[in-house]
C-alpha atoms as a PDB file:
ATOM      1  CA  MET A   1       2.245  18.534 -35.786  1.00  0.00           C
ATOM      2  CA  LYS A   2       1.251  15.179 -34.138  1.00  0.00           C
ATOM      3  CA  LEU A   3       1.577  14.841 -30.454  1.00  0.00           C
ATOM      4  CA  ILE A   4       4.545  12.731 -28.873  1.00  0.00           C
ATOM      5  CA  ARG A   5       3.403  13.010 -25.030  1.00  0.00           C
ATOM      6  CA  VAL A   6       0.542  13.668 -23.247  1.00  0.00           C
ATOM      7  CA  GLY A   7       0.074  14.229 -19.321  1.00  0.00           C
ATOM      8  CA  VAL A   8      -3.064  13.697 -17.539  1.00  0.00           C
ATOM      9  CA  ASP A   9      -4.679  14.936 -14.392  1.00  0.00           C
ATOM     10  CA  LEU A  10      -6.896  11.998 -13.256  1.00  0.00           C
ATOM     11  CA  ALA A  11     -10.123  12.927 -11.308  1.00  0.00           C
ATOM     12  CA  LYS A  12     -13.377  11.436 -10.679  1.00  0.00           C
ATOM     13  CA  SER A  13     -15.471  13.011 -13.411  1.00  0.00           C
ATOM     14  CA  VAL A  14     -13.525  15.660 -15.414  1.00  0.00           C
ATOM     15  CA  PHE A  15      -9.783  14.955 -16.630  1.00  0.00           C
ATOM     16  CA  GLN A  16      -7.527  17.554 -17.605  1.00  0.00           C
ATOM     17  CA  ILE A  17      -5.066  16.833 -20.744  1.00  0.00           C
ATOM     18  CA  HIS A  18      -2.115  18.459 -21.851  1.00  0.00           C
ATOM     19  CA  GLY A  19      -0.134  17.238 -24.919  1.00  0.00           C
ATOM     20  CA  VAL A  20       3.220  18.565 -26.635  1.00  0.00           C
ATOM     21  CA  ASP A  21       4.823  17.699 -29.956  1.00  0.00           C
ATOM     22  CA  ARG A  22       8.067  16.915 -30.965  1.00  0.00           C
ATOM     23  CA  SER A  23       9.267  20.350 -30.679  1.00  0.00           C
ATOM     24  CA  GLU A  24       7.999  20.619 -26.973  1.00  0.00           C
ATOM     25  CA  ARG A  25       5.234  22.957 -27.833  1.00  0.00           C
ATOM     26  CA  THR A  26       2.065  22.831 -26.189  1.00  0.00           C
ATOM     27  CA  THR A  27      -0.449  21.564 -28.980  1.00  0.00           C
ATOM     28  CA  TRP A  28      -3.243  20.213 -26.953  1.00  0.00           C
ATOM     29  CA  ARG A  29      -4.959  21.668 -23.812  1.00  0.00           C
ATOM     30  CA  ARG A  30      -8.252  20.506 -23.051  1.00  0.00           C
ATOM     31  CA  ARG A  31     -10.755  19.652 -19.903  1.00  0.00           C
ATOM     32  CA  LEU A  32     -12.746  16.457 -20.722  1.00  0.00           C
ATOM     33  CA  ARG A  33     -15.464  14.216 -19.163  1.00  0.00           C
ATOM     34  CA  ARG A  34     -14.735  10.853 -17.967  1.00  0.00           C
ATOM     35  CA  GLU A  35     -16.564   9.225 -20.502  1.00  0.00           C
ATOM     36  CA  ASP A  36     -15.099  11.029 -23.343  1.00  0.00           C
ATOM     37  CA  TRP A  37     -11.204  11.535 -22.652  1.00  0.00           C
ATOM     38  CA  ILE A  38      -9.978   8.175 -24.295  1.00  0.00           C
ATOM     39  CA  ASP A  39     -11.913   8.480 -27.499  1.00  0.00           C
ATOM     40  CA  ALA A  40     -10.647  12.069 -27.590  1.00  0.00           C
ATOM     41  CA  LEU A  41      -7.030  10.726 -27.040  1.00  0.00           C
ATOM     42  CA  ARG A  42      -7.273   7.998 -29.532  1.00  0.00           C
ATOM     43  CA  GLU A  43      -8.038  10.958 -32.088  1.00  0.00           C
ATOM     44  CA  ARG A  44      -5.126  12.902 -31.127  1.00  0.00           C
ATOM     45  CA  LEU A  45      -2.484  10.708 -30.113  1.00  0.00           C
ATOM     46  CA  GLU A  46      -1.330   7.654 -32.270  1.00  0.00           C
ATOM     47  CA  PRO A  47      -0.632   4.418 -30.831  1.00  0.00           C
ATOM     48  CA  GLY A  48       2.858   3.797 -29.484  1.00  0.00           C
ATOM     49  CA  GLY A  49       2.722   7.710 -28.086  1.00  0.00           C
ATOM     50  CA  GLU A  50       3.628   8.320 -24.075  1.00  0.00           C
ATOM     51  CA  VAL A  51       0.855   9.144 -21.819  1.00  0.00           C
ATOM     52  CA  GLY A  52       1.836  10.349 -18.473  1.00  0.00           C
ATOM     53  CA  MET A  53      -0.324  10.041 -15.306  1.00  0.00           C
ATOM     54  CA  GLU A  54       0.224  10.450 -11.234  1.00  0.00           C
ATOM     55  CA  ALA A  55       0.160   7.256  -9.599  1.00  0.00           C
ATOM     56  CA  CYS A  56      -3.116   7.946  -7.611  1.00  0.00           C
ATOM     57  CA  GLY A  57      -6.482   6.152  -7.258  1.00  0.00           C
ATOM     58  CA  GLY A  58      -7.726   4.593 -10.496  1.00  0.00           C
ATOM     59  CA  ALA A  59      -4.206   5.402 -12.478  1.00  0.00           C
ATOM     60  CA  HIS A  60      -3.528   1.659 -12.552  1.00  0.00           C
ATOM     61  CA  HIS A  61      -7.026   0.860 -14.065  1.00  0.00           C
ATOM     62  CA  TRP A  62      -6.722   3.728 -16.685  1.00  0.00           C
ATOM     63  CA  ALA A  63      -2.967   2.748 -17.281  1.00  0.00           C
ATOM     64  CA  ARG A  64      -4.054  -0.990 -18.232  1.00  0.00           C
ATOM     65  CA  GLU A  65      -6.755   0.457 -20.518  1.00  0.00           C
ATOM     66  CA  LEU A  66      -4.387   2.334 -22.420  1.00  0.00           C
ATOM     67  CA  GLN A  67      -2.015  -0.366 -22.834  1.00  0.00           C
ATOM     68  CA  LYS A  68      -4.411  -2.272 -24.371  1.00  0.00           C
ATOM     69  CA  LEU A  69      -4.972   0.420 -26.940  1.00  0.00           C
ATOM     70  CA  GLY A  70      -1.023   0.399 -27.612  1.00  0.00           C
ATOM     71  CA  TYR A  71       0.098   3.445 -25.706  1.00  0.00           C
ATOM     72  CA  ARG A  72       3.031   3.523 -23.527  1.00  0.00           C
ATOM     73  CA  VAL A  73       1.951   4.544 -20.233  1.00  0.00           C
ATOM     74  CA  LYS A  74       4.231   6.178 -17.297  1.00  0.00           C
ATOM     75  CA  LEU A  75       3.123   6.452 -13.812  1.00  0.00           C
ATOM     76  CA  ILE A  76       4.747   9.226 -11.651  1.00  0.00           C
ATOM     77  CA  ALA A  77       4.382   9.321  -7.823  1.00  0.00           C
ATOM     78  CA  PRO A  78       3.095  12.606  -6.876  1.00  0.00           C
ATOM     79  CA  GLN A  79       5.785  13.998  -4.980  1.00  0.00           C
ATOM     80  CA  PHE A  80       7.912  13.915  -8.150  1.00  0.00           C
ATOM     81  CA  VAL A  81       5.487  15.894 -10.034  1.00  0.00           C
ATOM     82  CA  LYS A  82       4.923  18.515  -7.491  1.00  0.00           C
ATOM     83  CA  PRO A  83       8.337  20.480  -8.143  1.00  0.00           C
ATOM     84  CA  TYR A  84       7.103  21.100 -12.045  1.00  0.00           C
ATOM     85  CA  VAL A  85       4.029  22.633 -11.025  1.00  0.00           C
ATOM     86  CA  LYS A  86       4.184  26.377 -11.929  1.00  0.00           C
ATOM     87  CA  SER A  87       2.908  28.953  -9.966  1.00  0.00           C
ATOM     88  CA  ASN A  88      -0.752  28.115  -8.348  1.00  0.00           C
ATOM     89  CA  LYS A  89      -2.050  24.697  -8.290  1.00  0.00           C
ATOM     90  CA  HIS A  90      -5.079  23.846 -10.631  1.00  0.00           C
ATOM     91  CA  ASP A  91      -5.638  20.988 -13.028  1.00  0.00           C
ATOM     92  CA  ALA A  92      -4.229  22.463 -16.195  1.00  0.00           C
ATOM     93  CA  ALA A  93      -0.796  23.203 -14.291  1.00  0.00           C
ATOM     94  CA  ASP A  94      -0.911  19.495 -12.643  1.00  0.00           C
ATOM     95  CA  ALA A  95      -1.371  18.260 -16.114  1.00  0.00           C
ATOM     96  CA  GLU A  96       1.516  20.195 -17.641  1.00  0.00           C
ATOM     97  CA  ALA A  97       3.776  19.369 -14.651  1.00  0.00           C
ATOM     98  CA  ILE A  98       3.097  15.428 -15.370  1.00  0.00           C
ATOM     99  CA  CYS A  99       3.805  16.144 -18.830  1.00  0.00           C
ATOM    100  CA  GLU A 100       7.084  17.838 -17.907  1.00  0.00           C
ATOM    101  CA  ALA A 101       8.131  15.310 -15.425  1.00  0.00           C
ATOM    102  CA  MET A 102       7.806  12.027 -17.571  1.00  0.00           C
ATOM    103  CA  ALA A 103      10.258  13.611 -19.940  1.00  0.00           C
ATOM    104  CA  ARG A 104      13.088  14.054 -17.481  1.00  0.00           C
ATOM    105  CA  PRO A 105      15.893  11.337 -18.429  1.00  0.00           C
ATOM    106  CA  GLY A 106      16.292  10.767 -14.517  1.00  0.00           C
ATOM    107  CA  MET A 107      12.724  10.318 -13.399  1.00  0.00           C
ATOM    108  CA  ARG A 108      11.556   6.979 -11.479  1.00  0.00           C
ATOM    109  CA  PHE A 109       8.374   5.623 -12.759  1.00  0.00           C
ATOM    110  CA  VAL A 110       5.653   3.312 -10.670  1.00  0.00           C
ATOM    111  CA  PRO A 111       5.166  -0.184 -12.542  1.00  0.00           C
ATOM    112  CA  VAL A 112       1.499  -0.622 -13.688  1.00  0.00           C
ATOM    113  CA  LYS A 113       0.044  -3.084 -11.710  1.00  0.00           C
ATOM    114  CA  SER A 114      -1.975  -6.014 -12.948  1.00  0.00           C
ATOM    115  CA  VAL A 115      -5.516  -6.968 -11.682  1.00  0.00           C
ATOM    116  CA  GLU A 116      -4.126  -9.905  -9.834  1.00  0.00           C
ATOM    117  CA  GLN A 117      -1.807  -7.623  -7.791  1.00  0.00           C
ATOM    118  CA  GLN A 118      -4.404  -5.159  -7.003  1.00  0.00           C
ATOM    119  CA  ASP A 119      -6.809  -7.876  -5.746  1.00  0.00           C
ATOM    120  CA  ILE A 120      -4.058  -9.276  -3.531  1.00  0.00           C
ATOM    121  CA  GLN A 121      -3.247  -5.687  -2.411  1.00  0.00           C
ATOM    122  CA  ALA A 122      -7.169  -5.166  -1.516  1.00  0.00           C
ATOM    123  CA  MET A 123      -7.055  -8.305   0.372  1.00  0.00           C
ATOM    124  CA  HIS A 124      -4.342  -7.178   2.671  1.00  0.00           C
ATOM    125  CA  ARG A 125      -5.958  -3.708   3.141  1.00  0.00           C
ATOM    126  CA  VAL A 126      -9.005  -5.215   3.912  1.00  0.00           C
ATOM    127  CA  ARG A 127      -7.222  -7.745   6.584  1.00  0.00           C
ATOM    128  CA  ALA A 128      -5.249  -4.751   7.988  1.00  0.00           C
ATOM    129  CA  SER A 129      -8.340  -2.825   8.708  1.00  0.00           C
ATOM    130  CA  LEU A 130      -9.918  -5.873  10.334  1.00  0.00           C
ATOM    131  CA  VAL A 131      -7.141  -6.505  12.486  1.00  0.00           C
ATOM    132  CA  GLU A 132      -7.476  -2.590  13.739  1.00  0.00           C
ATOM    133  CA  GLN A 133     -11.110  -3.200  14.338  1.00  0.00           C
ATOM    134  CA  ARG A 134     -10.189  -6.257  16.453  1.00  0.00           C
ATOM    135  CA  SER A 135      -7.760  -4.386  18.490  1.00  0.00           C
ATOM    136  CA  ALA A 136     -10.079  -1.449  18.964  1.00  0.00           C
ATOM    137  CA  LYS A 137     -12.939  -3.962  20.012  1.00  0.00           C
ATOM    138  CA  ALA A 138     -10.694  -5.545  22.413  1.00  0.00           C
ATOM    139  CA  ASN A 139      -9.555  -2.176  23.957  1.00  0.00           C
ATOM    140  CA  GLN A 140     -13.038  -1.456  24.351  1.00  0.00           C
ATOM    141  CA  ILE A 141     -14.130  -4.399  25.999  1.00  0.00           C
ATOM    142  CA  ARG A 142     -11.269  -3.987  28.484  1.00  0.00           C
ATOM    143  CA  GLY A 143     -12.177  -0.247  29.359  1.00  0.00           C
ATOM    144  CA  LEU A 144     -15.940  -1.371  29.900  1.00  0.00           C
ATOM    145  CA  VAL A 145     -15.276  -4.238  32.256  1.00  0.00           C
ATOM    146  CA  ALA A 146     -12.462  -2.033  34.291  1.00  0.00           C
ATOM    147  CA  GLU A 147     -15.498   0.050  35.195  1.00  0.00           C
ATOM    148  CA  TYR A 148     -16.963  -2.958  36.892  1.00  0.00           C
ATOM    149  CA  GLY A 149     -13.683  -3.926  38.912  1.00  0.00           C
ATOM    150  CA  LEU A 150     -12.614  -6.644  36.186  1.00  0.00           C
ATOM    151  CA  VAL A 151      -8.989  -6.589  35.186  1.00  0.00           C
ATOM    152  CA  ALA A 152      -8.862  -7.938  31.604  1.00  0.00           C
ATOM    153  CA  PRO A 153      -5.664  -9.660  30.223  1.00  0.00           C
ATOM    154  CA  ARG A 154      -3.665  -7.876  27.756  1.00  0.00           C
ATOM    155  CA  GLU A 155      -3.232 -10.577  25.426  1.00  0.00           C
ATOM    156  CA  LEU A 156      -6.076 -11.121  22.815  1.00  0.00           C
ATOM    157  CA  LEU A 157      -6.191 -15.128  23.432  1.00  0.00           C
ATOM    158  CA  HIS A 158      -6.615 -14.743  27.160  1.00  0.00           C
ATOM    159  CA  LEU A 159      -9.321 -12.005  26.826  1.00  0.00           C
ATOM    160  CA  ARG A 160     -11.079 -14.455  24.776  1.00  0.00           C
ATOM    161  CA  ARG A 161     -10.783 -17.255  27.253  1.00  0.00           C
ATOM    162  CA  ALA A 162     -12.102 -14.699  30.039  1.00  0.00           C
ATOM    163  CA  LEU A 163     -15.120 -13.332  28.359  1.00  0.00           C
ATOM    164  CA  PRO A 164     -16.875 -16.714  28.787  1.00  0.00           C
ATOM    165  CA  ARG A 165     -16.184 -16.851  32.451  1.00  0.00           C
ATOM    166  CA  TRP A 166     -17.219 -13.323  33.290  1.00  0.00           C
ATOM    167  CA  LEU A 167     -20.620 -13.876  31.498  1.00  0.00           C
ATOM    168  CA  GLU A 168     -21.000 -17.004  33.604  1.00  0.00           C
ATOM    169  CA  ASP A 169     -20.088 -15.836  36.977  1.00  0.00           C
ATOM    170  CA  GLU A 170     -22.761 -14.387  38.799  1.00  0.00           C
ATOM    171  CA  GLY A 171     -21.056 -13.020  41.695  1.00  0.00           C
ATOM    172  CA  ASN A 172     -18.654 -10.699  39.673  1.00  0.00           C
ATOM    173  CA  GLY A 173     -21.024  -7.687  40.103  1.00  0.00           C
ATOM    174  CA  LEU A 174     -22.091  -7.498  36.353  1.00  0.00           C
ATOM    175  CA  THR A 175     -25.391  -6.594  35.711  1.00  0.00           C
ATOM    176  CA  THR A 176     -28.090  -8.279  33.249  1.00  0.00           C
ATOM    177  CA  ARG A 177     -28.084  -5.274  31.156  1.00  0.00           C
ATOM    178  CA  PHE A 178     -24.153  -5.029  30.692  1.00  0.00           C
ATOM    179  CA  ARG A 179     -23.760  -8.972  30.488  1.00  0.00           C
ATOM    180  CA  TRP A 180     -26.173  -8.357  27.385  1.00  0.00           C
ATOM    181  CA  LEU A 181     -24.045  -5.714  25.931  1.00  0.00           C
ATOM    182  CA  LEU A 182     -20.644  -7.721  26.651  1.00  0.00           C
ATOM    183  CA  ARG A 183     -22.151 -10.723  25.083  1.00  0.00           C
ATOM    184  CA  GLY A 184     -22.852  -8.631  22.129  1.00  0.00           C
ATOM    185  CA  LEU A 185     -19.133  -7.510  22.160  1.00  0.00           C
ATOM    186  CA  GLN A 186     -17.956 -11.005  22.417  1.00  0.00           C
ATOM    187  CA  GLU A 187     -19.949 -11.896  19.203  1.00  0.00           C
ATOM    188  CA  GLU A 188     -18.430  -9.049  17.339  1.00  0.00           C
ATOM    189  CA  LEU A 189     -14.881 -10.114  18.333  1.00  0.00           C
ATOM    190  CA  ILE A 190     -15.826 -13.675  17.403  1.00  0.00           C
ATOM    191  CA  GLY A 191     -16.705 -12.386  13.947  1.00  0.00           C
ATOM    192  CA  LEU A 192     -13.627 -10.297  13.256  1.00  0.00           C
ATOM    193  CA  ASP A 193     -11.734 -13.322  14.082  1.00  0.00           C
ATOM    194  CA  GLN A 194     -13.548 -15.848  11.772  1.00  0.00           C
ATOM    195  CA  ARG A 195     -13.284 -13.066   9.016  1.00  0.00           C
ATOM    196  CA  ILE A 196      -9.507 -12.831   9.479  1.00  0.00           C
ATOM    197  CA  ALA A 197      -9.180 -16.475   9.565  1.00  0.00           C
ATOM    198  CA  GLU A 198     -11.040 -16.430   6.234  1.00  0.00           C
ATOM    199  CA  LEU A 199      -8.551 -14.045   4.710  1.00  0.00           C
ATOM    200  CA  ASP A 200      -5.343 -16.006   6.016  1.00  0.00           C
ATOM    201  CA  ARG A 201      -6.769 -19.008   4.367  1.00  0.00           C
ATOM    202  CA  GLU A 202      -7.202 -17.232   1.013  1.00  0.00           C
ATOM    203  CA  ILE A 203      -3.614 -15.731   1.404  1.00  0.00           C
ATOM    204  CA  GLU A 204      -2.076 -19.192   2.144  1.00  0.00           C
ATOM    205  CA  GLU A 205      -3.672 -20.459  -0.693  1.00  0.00           C
ATOM    206  CA  ILE A 206      -2.313 -18.141  -3.248  1.00  0.00           C
ATOM    207  CA  ALA A 207       1.058 -18.375  -1.728  1.00  0.00           C
ATOM    208  CA  ARG A 208       0.735 -22.452  -2.141  1.00  0.00           C
ATOM    209  CA  SER A 209       0.310 -21.587  -5.904  1.00  0.00           C
ATOM    210  CA  GLU A 210       2.474 -19.004  -6.656  1.00  0.00           C
ATOM    211  CA  PRO A 211       6.054 -19.979  -7.462  1.00  0.00           C
ATOM    212  CA  ALA A 212       7.600 -16.669  -6.457  1.00  0.00           C
ATOM    213  CA  ALA A 213       6.133 -17.009  -3.332  1.00  0.00           C
ATOM    214  CA  LYS A 214       7.200 -20.428  -2.545  1.00  0.00           C
ATOM    215  CA  ARG A 215      10.865 -19.038  -3.372  1.00  0.00           C
ATOM    216  CA  LEU A 216      10.417 -16.265  -0.910  1.00  0.00           C
ATOM    217  CA  MET A 217       8.880 -18.403   1.844  1.00  0.00           C
ATOM    218  CA  GLN A 218      12.114 -20.270   1.820  1.00  0.00           C
ATOM    219  CA  LEU A 219      13.743 -17.438   3.471  1.00  0.00           C
ATOM    220  CA  ARG A 220      13.858 -17.362   7.315  1.00  0.00           C
ATOM    221  CA  GLY A 221      10.985 -15.611   8.900  1.00  0.00           C
ATOM    222  CA  VAL A 222       9.071 -15.033   5.695  1.00  0.00           C
ATOM    223  CA  GLY A 223       5.744 -16.608   5.438  1.00  0.00           C
ATOM    224  CA  PRO A 224       2.522 -16.533   3.131  1.00  0.00           C
ATOM    225  CA  ILE A 225       1.404 -12.916   4.368  1.00  0.00           C
ATOM    226  CA  ILE A 226       4.855 -11.290   3.592  1.00  0.00           C
ATOM    227  CA  ALA A 227       5.430 -13.262   0.560  1.00  0.00           C
ATOM    228  CA  ILE A 228       2.164 -12.411  -0.964  1.00  0.00           C
ATOM    229  CA  ALA A 229       2.367  -8.606  -0.198  1.00  0.00           C
ATOM    230  CA  MET A 230       5.999  -8.781  -1.553  1.00  0.00           C
ATOM    231  CA  ILE A 231       4.753  -9.914  -4.984  1.00  0.00           C
ATOM    232  CA  ALA A 232       1.367  -7.585  -4.952  1.00  0.00           C
ATOM    233  CA  THR A 233       3.592  -4.464  -4.023  1.00  0.00           C
ATOM    234  CA  VAL A 234       6.951  -4.960  -5.855  1.00  0.00           C
ATOM    235  CA  GLY A 235       5.852  -6.905  -8.878  1.00  0.00           C
ATOM    236  CA  ASP A 236       9.137  -7.346 -10.974  1.00  0.00           C
ATOM    237  CA  ALA A 237      11.955  -6.743  -8.748  1.00  0.00           C
ATOM    238  CA  ARG A 238      14.223  -6.375 -11.605  1.00  0.00           C
ATOM    239  CA  GLN A 239      13.112  -2.899 -11.766  1.00  0.00           C
ATOM    240  CA  PHE A 240      15.177  -2.232  -8.912  1.00  0.00           C
ATOM    241  CA  ARG A 241      19.060  -1.833  -9.265  1.00  0.00           C
ATOM    242  CA  ASN A 242      19.556  -3.153  -5.428  1.00  0.00           C
ATOM    243  CA  GLY A 243      17.566  -4.223  -2.304  1.00  0.00           C
ATOM    244  CA  ARG A 244      18.105  -0.638  -0.964  1.00  0.00           C
ATOM    245  CA  GLN A 245      16.080   0.789  -3.596  1.00  0.00           C
ATOM    246  CA  MET A 246      13.427  -1.997  -3.103  1.00  0.00           C
ATOM    247  CA  SER A 247      13.306  -1.066   0.483  1.00  0.00           C
ATOM    248  CA  ALA A 248      13.007   2.637  -0.062  1.00  0.00           C
ATOM    249  CA  SER A 249       9.950   1.979  -2.436  1.00  0.00           C
ATOM    250  CA  ILE A 250       7.934   0.445   0.123  1.00  0.00           C
ATOM    251  CA  GLY A 251       9.045   2.777   2.858  1.00  0.00           C
ATOM    252  CA  LEU A 252      11.575   0.798   5.068  1.00  0.00           C
ATOM    253  CA  THR A 253      14.624   2.777   4.775  1.00  0.00           C
ATOM    254  CA  PRO A 254      15.654   5.659   7.016  1.00  0.00           C
ATOM    255  CA  LYS A 255      15.127   9.476   6.047  1.00  0.00           C
ATOM    256  CA  GLN A 256      18.280  11.047   5.033  1.00  0.00           C
ATOM    257  CA  HIS A 257      19.056  14.675   5.903  1.00  0.00           C
ATOM    258  CA  SER A 258      22.628  15.510   5.067  1.00  0.00           C
ATOM    259  CA  SER A 259      24.801  18.557   4.132  1.00  0.00           C
ATOM    260  CA  GLY A 260      28.636  18.526   3.365  1.00  0.00           C
ATOM    261  CA  ALA A 261      30.138  16.436   5.764  1.00  0.00           C
ATOM    262  CA  ARG A 262      27.431  16.289   8.209  1.00  0.00           C
ATOM    263  CA  SER A 263      25.060  13.363   7.784  1.00  0.00           C
ATOM    264  CA  GLY A 264      22.018  12.037   9.418  1.00  0.00           C
ATOM    265  CA  CYS A 265      19.568   9.401   9.324  1.00  0.00           C
ATOM    266  CA  TRP A 266      16.006   9.653  10.874  1.00  0.00           C
ATOM    267  CA  ALA A 267      12.914   7.652  10.910  1.00  0.00           C
ATOM    268  CA  SER A 268      11.533   6.018   7.850  1.00  0.00           C
ATOM    269  CA  ALA A 269      11.498   8.274   4.762  1.00  0.00           C
ATOM    270  CA  ARG A 270       7.673   7.409   4.678  1.00  0.00           C
ATOM    271  CA  GLU A 271       5.051   5.264   6.424  1.00  0.00           C
ATOM    272  CA  ALA A 272       5.788   1.688   5.621  1.00  0.00           C
ATOM    273  CA  THR A 273       3.018   0.025   3.620  1.00  0.00           C
ATOM    274  CA  PRO A 274       0.803  -1.281   6.419  1.00  0.00           C
ATOM    275  CA  THR A 275       1.304  -5.039   5.630  1.00  0.00           C
ATOM    276  CA  TYR A 276       5.386  -4.640   6.099  1.00  0.00           C
ATOM    277  CA  ALA A 277       5.030  -2.453   9.123  1.00  0.00           C
ATOM    278  CA  ALA A 278       2.535  -4.923  10.978  1.00  0.00           C
ATOM    279  CA  CYS A 279       4.639  -8.100   9.952  1.00  0.00           C
ATOM    280  CA  SER A 280       8.000  -6.786   9.965  1.00  0.00           C
ATOM    281  CA  PHE A 281      10.443  -9.079  11.490  1.00  0.00           C
ATOM    282  CA  THR A 282      14.317  -9.617  11.812  1.00  0.00           C
ATOM    283  CA  ALA A 283      16.136 -13.105  11.328  1.00  0.00           C
ATOM    284  CA  HIS A 284      19.217 -14.062  13.075  1.00  0.00           C
ATOM    285  CA  GLU A 285      22.201 -14.813  11.001  1.00  0.00           C
ATOM    286  CA  PRO A 286      24.601 -17.739  12.071  1.00  0.00           C
ATOM    287  CA  SER A 287      27.644 -16.195  13.786  1.00  0.00           C
ATOM    288  CA  SER A 288      30.451 -17.139  15.782  1.00  0.00           C
ATOM    289  CA  ALA A 289      29.915 -14.110  17.753  1.00  0.00           C
ATOM    290  CA  PRO A 290      29.179 -14.514  21.759  1.00  0.00           C
ATOM    291  CA  PRO A 291      25.632 -14.891  22.729  1.00  0.00           C
ATOM    292  CA  GLY A 292      23.968 -11.563  22.725  1.00  0.00           C
ATOM    293  CA  GLN A 293      26.122 -10.087  20.315  1.00  0.00           C
ATOM    294  CA  ARG A 294      24.841 -11.872  17.074  1.00  0.00           C
ATOM    295  CA  THR A 295      24.276  -9.715  14.008  1.00  0.00           C
ATOM    296  CA  THR A 296      20.795  -9.301  12.720  1.00  0.00           C
ATOM    297  CA  ARG A 297      19.764  -8.868   8.802  1.00  0.00           C
ATOM    298  CA  SER A 298      16.612  -7.691   8.104  1.00  0.00           C
ATOM    299  CA  VAL A 299      14.960  -9.966   5.633  1.00  0.00           C
ATOM    300  CA  GLY A 300      11.777  -8.531   4.048  1.00  0.00           C
ATOM    301  CA  GLY A 301       9.925  -6.201   6.177  1.00  0.00           C
END
């Protein structure tokens, strides 16, 4: 009997396949190499069949390739697959769990991202990494000059202005060797600033050319970085029933731990997407309440 649903456990070199027929009986279980699994799938599963995968590294690429061949692709978050793993964890059990999870009527799936969305996400990830490197570099400079009796300002802008003065001041106790080291650190800091500025300009250019980003930037407090990150992460917002669902998908809602009449909300359910965590903001709503008591509304993370 022909297959109707296939679960695929992705890996770098070897993929595990698990397929079931209309009677929900396992009729295909096989371990295939990376270069062979698509051809083997085309031989066993007709176009229009369902293929499920965990939303992990490389999943969106393979999902787009399968969609081109006419298959219906369902990506599932790994935490939703785990409850369906039977006994010990191994590739065959994972593939079977994926095949089982994708058949559940209440299962939530991850939308397949386009190449453009992944380009923008990659840009944000590189930018976030550069910002972390810049902060680390500034802290390194502060720690090193402190050993020579110099107090570095906390703000990055003031630190940039202080570096040339330290290098030019011959009476501050810095040795020739340390000045050489400090000059190199200054150049590295400038290089990180320039790279971040290049990415910011590219993000602004994308925001100017994207209609959805223009609409988002009409909200108070939403700039190009948040607008473009929202488009890349969320994609089509119509997949969510309400704003809370979308907030939960990007890690902004609190974690709920309730039982009976006792309820509790703790820190965020999972760490927020780095871009949203770094660029979170709160916009004040117009209110007739006295100063200091105005209500606030989270606009977009």
